[in-house]
């Protein structure tokens, strides 16, 4: 991952140049659920995953089983039905994941339109992580990157106002009445 740059400096009249080492063969993925309920504080549930088998041709992102496990953990942690608002990531549309969602009455799933990151509150979350957790940082290795990401996500977990801001930036509100049994 190329580190984002927030600020830099150079002598007057010289263009600043930032050198970044070549791409790493390791990969880190993070899946997150921004959880909202009227009258309660917003919550963030996330799972980082380091892909150690990247060089051997292994999968370099979350699998449908990883998302299944995340949804199951969120359901256990929240204790209520889930309403998912998915973007169009290929794993979100996997037939096995769709079958899992259809088989459980505590999950309702809605797909966002294609190419609509502005409607997804989690995209605002990733922006917060990149701006405050990664900018102007040269990571010494994947463990350092993972520590910084976990720390930043934990900070966001305790700041429900940031999560509410991501929801508002997506133009969404919590005015929908709760589903009745």
C-alpha atoms as a PDB file:
ATOM      1  CA  UNK A   1       0.000   0.000   0.000  1.00  0.00           C
ATOM      2  CA  UNK A   2       1.423   3.319  -0.993  1.00  0.00           C
ATOM      3  CA  UNK A   3       1.336   5.629   2.007  1.00  0.00           C
ATOM      4  CA  UNK A   4      -0.810   8.739   1.600  1.00  0.00           C
ATOM      5  CA  UNK A   5       0.909  12.044   2.132  1.00  0.00           C
ATOM      6  CA  UNK A   6      -0.835  14.777   4.073  1.00  0.00           C
ATOM      7  CA  UNK A   7       1.937  17.349   4.222  1.00  0.00           C
ATOM      8  CA  UNK A   8       5.516  17.660   3.155  1.00  0.00           C
ATOM      9  CA  UNK A   9       8.046  20.409   2.691  1.00  0.00           C
ATOM     10  CA  UNK A  10      10.951  21.340   0.475  1.00  0.00           C
ATOM     11  CA  UNK A  11      13.149  24.351  -0.066  1.00  0.00           C
ATOM     12  CA  UNK A  12      11.491  27.209  -1.852  1.00  0.00           C
ATOM     13  CA  UNK A  13      11.460  26.659  -5.593  1.00  0.00           C
ATOM     14  CA  UNK A  14      11.988  22.890  -5.350  1.00  0.00           C
ATOM     15  CA  UNK A  15       9.289  20.296  -5.857  1.00  0.00           C
ATOM     16  CA  UNK A  16       9.103  17.848  -2.960  1.00  0.00           C
ATOM     17  CA  UNK A  17       9.763  14.245  -3.962  1.00  0.00           C
ATOM     18  CA  UNK A  18       8.747  11.385  -1.732  1.00  0.00           C
ATOM     19  CA  UNK A  19      10.369   8.055  -2.417  1.00  0.00           C
ATOM     20  CA  UNK A  20       8.495   4.899  -1.506  1.00  0.00           C
ATOM     21  CA  UNK A  21       9.911   1.395  -1.729  1.00  0.00           C
ATOM     22  CA  UNK A  22       8.452  -1.032  -4.241  1.00  0.00           C
ATOM     23  CA  UNK A  23       5.327  -3.032  -3.585  1.00  0.00           C
ATOM     24  CA  UNK A  24       5.428  -5.597  -0.837  1.00  0.00           C
ATOM     25  CA  UNK A  25       4.481  -9.191  -1.505  1.00  0.00           C
ATOM     26  CA  UNK A  26       2.461  -9.286   1.708  1.00  0.00           C
ATOM     27  CA  UNK A  27      -1.132  -8.131   1.927  1.00  0.00           C
ATOM     28  CA  UNK A  28      -3.454  -7.029   4.705  1.00  0.00           C
ATOM     29  CA  UNK A  29      -7.243  -6.888   4.366  1.00  0.00           C
ATOM     30  CA  UNK A  30      -9.788  -5.365   6.711  1.00  0.00           C
ATOM     31  CA  UNK A  31     -13.546  -5.895   6.744  1.00  0.00           C
ATOM     32  CA  UNK A  32     -15.724  -3.604   8.840  1.00  0.00           C
ATOM     33  CA  UNK A  33     -19.354  -3.181   9.789  1.00  0.00           C
ATOM     34  CA  UNK A  34     -20.579   0.237  10.874  1.00  0.00           C
ATOM     35  CA  UNK A  35     -23.539  -0.574  13.126  1.00  0.00           C
ATOM     36  CA  UNK A  36     -26.284   1.951  13.786  1.00  0.00           C
ATOM     37  CA  UNK A  37     -29.401   1.704  15.955  1.00  0.00           C
ATOM     38  CA  UNK A  38     -31.725   4.616  16.772  1.00  0.00           C
ATOM     39  CA  UNK A  39     -31.298   5.859  20.311  1.00  0.00           C
ATOM     40  CA  UNK A  40     -28.014   4.013  20.906  1.00  0.00           C
ATOM     41  CA  UNK A  41     -24.390   4.799  20.247  1.00  0.00           C
ATOM     42  CA  UNK A  42     -22.982   3.677  16.923  1.00  0.00           C
ATOM     43  CA  UNK A  43     -20.619   0.721  16.899  1.00  0.00           C
ATOM     44  CA  UNK A  44     -17.816  -0.521  14.731  1.00  0.00           C
ATOM     45  CA  UNK A  45     -17.054  -4.207  14.290  1.00  0.00           C
ATOM     46  CA  UNK A  46     -13.971  -5.027  12.249  1.00  0.00           C
ATOM     47  CA  UNK A  47     -11.671  -7.902  11.407  1.00  0.00           C
ATOM     48  CA  UNK A  48      -8.152  -7.398  10.037  1.00  0.00           C
ATOM     49  CA  UNK A  49      -6.508 -10.288   8.256  1.00  0.00           C
ATOM     50  CA  UNK A  50      -2.919 -10.730   7.184  1.00  0.00           C
ATOM     51  CA  UNK A  51      -2.462 -12.935   4.137  1.00  0.00           C
ATOM     52  CA  UNK A  52       0.761 -14.828   4.675  1.00  0.00           C
ATOM     53  CA  UNK A  53       0.366 -17.131   1.661  1.00  0.00           C
ATOM     54  CA  UNK A  54       0.327 -14.321  -0.909  1.00  0.00           C
ATOM     55  CA  UNK A  55       3.547 -15.483  -2.615  1.00  0.00           C
ATOM     56  CA  UNK A  56       2.274 -19.047  -2.985  1.00  0.00           C
ATOM     57  CA  UNK A  57      -0.733 -17.951  -5.006  1.00  0.00           C
ATOM     58  CA  UNK A  58      -3.177 -17.937  -2.098  1.00  0.00           C
ATOM     59  CA  UNK A  59      -6.197 -15.676  -1.857  1.00  0.00           C
ATOM     60  CA  UNK A  60      -5.309 -12.054  -1.141  1.00  0.00           C
ATOM     61  CA  UNK A  61      -8.607 -10.846   0.264  1.00  0.00           C
ATOM     62  CA  UNK A  62     -11.461 -11.919   2.490  1.00  0.00           C
ATOM     63  CA  UNK A  63     -13.311 -15.041   1.438  1.00  0.00           C
ATOM     64  CA  UNK A  64     -17.038 -15.558   1.717  1.00  0.00           C
ATOM     65  CA  UNK A  65     -16.422 -17.645   4.861  1.00  0.00           C
ATOM     66  CA  UNK A  66     -14.565 -14.715   6.459  1.00  0.00           C
ATOM     67  CA  UNK A  67     -17.585 -12.480   5.809  1.00  0.00           C
ATOM     68  CA  UNK A  68     -19.919 -15.210   7.087  1.00  0.00           C
ATOM     69  CA  UNK A  69     -17.923 -15.415  10.320  1.00  0.00           C
ATOM     70  CA  UNK A  70     -17.918 -11.619  10.673  1.00  0.00           C
ATOM     71  CA  UNK A  71     -21.698 -11.468  10.241  1.00  0.00           C
ATOM     72  CA  UNK A  72     -22.227 -14.276  12.747  1.00  0.00           C
ATOM     73  CA  UNK A  73     -19.960 -12.568  15.298  1.00  0.00           C
ATOM     74  CA  UNK A  74     -21.763  -9.243  14.766  1.00  0.00           C
ATOM     75  CA  UNK A  75     -25.136 -10.913  15.291  1.00  0.00           C
ATOM     76  CA  UNK A  76     -23.928 -12.522  18.523  1.00  0.00           C
ATOM     77  CA  UNK A  77     -22.373  -9.266  19.725  1.00  0.00           C
ATOM     78  CA  UNK A  78     -25.328  -7.015  18.865  1.00  0.00           C
ATOM     79  CA  UNK A  79     -28.076  -9.502  19.686  1.00  0.00           C
ATOM     80  CA  UNK A  80     -30.441  -8.116  17.064  1.00  0.00           C
ATOM     81  CA  UNK A  81     -31.210  -8.705  13.395  1.00  0.00           C
ATOM     82  CA  UNK A  82     -28.797  -7.183  10.892  1.00  0.00           C
ATOM     83  CA  UNK A  83     -29.632  -5.055   7.877  1.00  0.00           C
ATOM     84  CA  UNK A  84     -26.637  -5.121   5.556  1.00  0.00           C
ATOM     85  CA  UNK A  85     -26.015  -2.452   2.984  1.00  0.00           C
ATOM     86  CA  UNK A  86     -23.421  -4.021   0.702  1.00  0.00           C
ATOM     87  CA  UNK A  87     -21.376  -2.458  -2.021  1.00  0.00           C
ATOM     88  CA  UNK A  88     -20.729  -4.497  -5.162  1.00  0.00           C
ATOM     89  CA  UNK A  89     -17.523  -6.202  -4.129  1.00  0.00           C
ATOM     90  CA  UNK A  90     -17.353  -9.571  -5.871  1.00  0.00           C
ATOM     91  CA  UNK A  91     -17.248 -11.514  -2.580  1.00  0.00           C
ATOM     92  CA  UNK A  92     -20.422  -9.757  -1.392  1.00  0.00           C
ATOM     93  CA  UNK A  93     -22.176 -11.209  -4.439  1.00  0.00           C
ATOM     94  CA  UNK A  94     -20.775 -14.738  -4.030  1.00  0.00           C
ATOM     95  CA  UNK A  95     -23.535 -17.355  -4.393  1.00  0.00           C
ATOM     96  CA  UNK A  96     -22.435 -19.163  -1.223  1.00  0.00           C
ATOM     97  CA  UNK A  97     -22.598 -15.961   0.833  1.00  0.00           C
ATOM     98  CA  UNK A  98     -25.993 -15.124  -0.704  1.00  0.00           C
ATOM     99  CA  UNK A  99     -27.213 -18.627   0.243  1.00  0.00           C
ATOM    100  CA  UNK A 100     -25.978 -18.096   3.810  1.00  0.00           C
ATOM    101  CA  UNK A 101     -27.800 -14.743   4.040  1.00  0.00           C
ATOM    102  CA  UNK A 102     -30.982 -16.191   2.534  1.00  0.00           C
ATOM    103  CA  UNK A 103     -30.903 -19.117   4.981  1.00  0.00           C
ATOM    104  CA  UNK A 104     -30.896 -16.846   8.052  1.00  0.00           C
ATOM    105  CA  UNK A 105     -33.904 -14.726   8.904  1.00  0.00           C
ATOM    106  CA  UNK A 106     -31.823 -12.382  11.104  1.00  0.00           C
ATOM    107  CA  UNK A 107     -30.053 -10.904   8.051  1.00  0.00           C
ATOM    108  CA  UNK A 108     -31.631  -8.579   5.505  1.00  0.00           C
ATOM    109  CA  UNK A 109     -29.342  -7.581   2.645  1.00  0.00           C
ATOM    110  CA  UNK A 110     -29.526  -4.632   0.239  1.00  0.00           C
ATOM    111  CA  UNK A 111     -27.102  -3.891  -2.591  1.00  0.00           C
ATOM    112  CA  UNK A 112     -25.846  -0.394  -3.290  1.00  0.00           C
ATOM    113  CA  UNK A 113     -25.880   0.734  -6.916  1.00  0.00           C
ATOM    114  CA  UNK A 114     -22.615   0.166  -8.824  1.00  0.00           C
ATOM    115  CA  UNK A 115     -19.921   2.830  -8.434  1.00  0.00           C
ATOM    116  CA  UNK A 116     -21.596   4.603  -5.504  1.00  0.00           C
ATOM    117  CA  UNK A 117     -18.964   4.836  -2.746  1.00  0.00           C
ATOM    118  CA  UNK A 118     -20.535   8.116  -1.615  1.00  0.00           C
ATOM    119  CA  UNK A 119     -23.572   6.116  -0.390  1.00  0.00           C
ATOM    120  CA  UNK A 120     -21.491   3.727   1.719  1.00  0.00           C
ATOM    121  CA  UNK A 121     -20.728   4.933   5.292  1.00  0.00           C
ATOM    122  CA  UNK A 122     -17.814   2.498   5.587  1.00  0.00           C
ATOM    123  CA  UNK A 123     -15.989   4.332   2.781  1.00  0.00           C
ATOM    124  CA  UNK A 124     -15.913   7.370   5.084  1.00  0.00           C
ATOM    125  CA  UNK A 125     -14.407   5.147   7.741  1.00  0.00           C
ATOM    126  CA  UNK A 126     -11.594   4.066   5.396  1.00  0.00           C
ATOM    127  CA  UNK A 127     -10.943   7.720   4.634  1.00  0.00           C
ATOM    128  CA  UNK A 128     -10.565   8.427   8.361  1.00  0.00           C
ATOM    129  CA  UNK A 129      -8.189   5.501   8.770  1.00  0.00           C
ATOM    130  CA  UNK A 130      -6.027   6.573   5.831  1.00  0.00           C
ATOM    131  CA  UNK A 131      -5.897  10.251   6.799  1.00  0.00           C
ATOM    132  CA  UNK A 132      -5.126   9.801  10.484  1.00  0.00           C
ATOM    133  CA  UNK A 133      -3.573   6.355  10.689  1.00  0.00           C
ATOM    134  CA  UNK A 134      -1.361   6.097   7.659  1.00  0.00           C
ATOM    135  CA  UNK A 135      -0.420   9.494   6.283  1.00  0.00           C
ATOM    136  CA  UNK A 136       3.206  10.548   6.487  1.00  0.00           C
ATOM    137  CA  UNK A 137       4.229   7.176   7.913  1.00  0.00           C
ATOM    138  CA  UNK A 138       6.892   4.876   6.556  1.00  0.00           C
ATOM    139  CA  UNK A 139       5.965   1.445   7.878  1.00  0.00           C
ATOM    140  CA  UNK A 140       8.839  -0.795   8.845  1.00  0.00           C
ATOM    141  CA  UNK A 141       6.912  -3.937   7.926  1.00  0.00           C
ATOM    142  CA  UNK A 142       3.496  -5.561   7.837  1.00  0.00           C
ATOM    143  CA  UNK A 143       3.430  -5.980  11.634  1.00  0.00           C
ATOM    144  CA  UNK A 144       3.941  -2.245  12.100  1.00  0.00           C
ATOM    145  CA  UNK A 145       1.177  -1.504   9.587  1.00  0.00           C
ATOM    146  CA  UNK A 146      -1.173  -3.957  11.337  1.00  0.00           C
ATOM    147  CA  UNK A 147      -0.483  -2.374  14.751  1.00  0.00           C
ATOM    148  CA  UNK A 148      -1.203   1.129  13.422  1.00  0.00           C
ATOM    149  CA  UNK A 149      -4.407  -0.002  11.679  1.00  0.00           C
ATOM    150  CA  UNK A 150      -5.697  -1.793  14.780  1.00  0.00           C
ATOM    151  CA  UNK A 151      -4.907   1.195  16.985  1.00  0.00           C
ATOM    152  CA  UNK A 152      -6.673   3.630  14.648  1.00  0.00           C
ATOM    153  CA  UNK A 153      -9.743   1.395  14.307  1.00  0.00           C
ATOM    154  CA  UNK A 154      -9.910   1.010  18.108  1.00  0.00           C
ATOM    155  CA  UNK A 155      -9.798   4.804  18.450  1.00  0.00           C
ATOM    156  CA  UNK A 156     -12.680   5.113  15.984  1.00  0.00           C
ATOM    157  CA  UNK A 157     -14.636   2.413  17.858  1.00  0.00           C
ATOM    158  CA  UNK A 158     -14.740   4.650  20.919  1.00  0.00           C
ATOM    159  CA  UNK A 159     -15.724   7.751  18.950  1.00  0.00           C
ATOM    160  CA  UNK A 160     -19.299   7.091  17.902  1.00  0.00           C
ATOM    161  CA  UNK A 161     -19.528  10.695  16.668  1.00  0.00           C
ATOM    162  CA  UNK A 162     -17.078   9.784  13.884  1.00  0.00           C
ATOM    163  CA  UNK A 163     -19.229   6.818  12.879  1.00  0.00           C
ATOM    164  CA  UNK A 164     -22.339   9.038  12.957  1.00  0.00           C
ATOM    165  CA  UNK A 165     -20.484  11.516  10.741  1.00  0.00           C
ATOM    166  CA  UNK A 166     -19.767   8.763   8.207  1.00  0.00           C
ATOM    167  CA  UNK A 167     -23.483   7.933   8.138  1.00  0.00           C
ATOM    168  CA  UNK A 168     -24.439  11.598   7.681  1.00  0.00           C
ATOM    169  CA  UNK A 169     -21.810  12.082   4.953  1.00  0.00           C
ATOM    170  CA  UNK A 170     -23.441   9.223   3.032  1.00  0.00           C
ATOM    171  CA  UNK A 171     -26.753  11.088   3.252  1.00  0.00           C
ATOM    172  CA  UNK A 172     -28.355   8.418   5.426  1.00  0.00           C
ATOM    173  CA  UNK A 173     -30.371   8.839   8.619  1.00  0.00           C
ATOM    174  CA  UNK A 174     -31.790   6.595  11.306  1.00  0.00           C
ATOM    175  CA  UNK A 175     -35.400   7.631  10.820  1.00  0.00           C
ATOM    176  CA  UNK A 176     -36.562   4.261   9.520  1.00  0.00           C
ATOM    177  CA  UNK A 177     -38.802   2.606  12.114  1.00  0.00           C
ATOM    178  CA  UNK A 178     -37.587  -0.629  13.648  1.00  0.00           C
ATOM    179  CA  UNK A 179     -38.967  -3.826  12.114  1.00  0.00           C
ATOM    180  CA  UNK A 180     -41.697  -5.483  14.133  1.00  0.00           C
ATOM    181  CA  UNK A 181     -41.803  -9.235  14.762  1.00  0.00           C
END
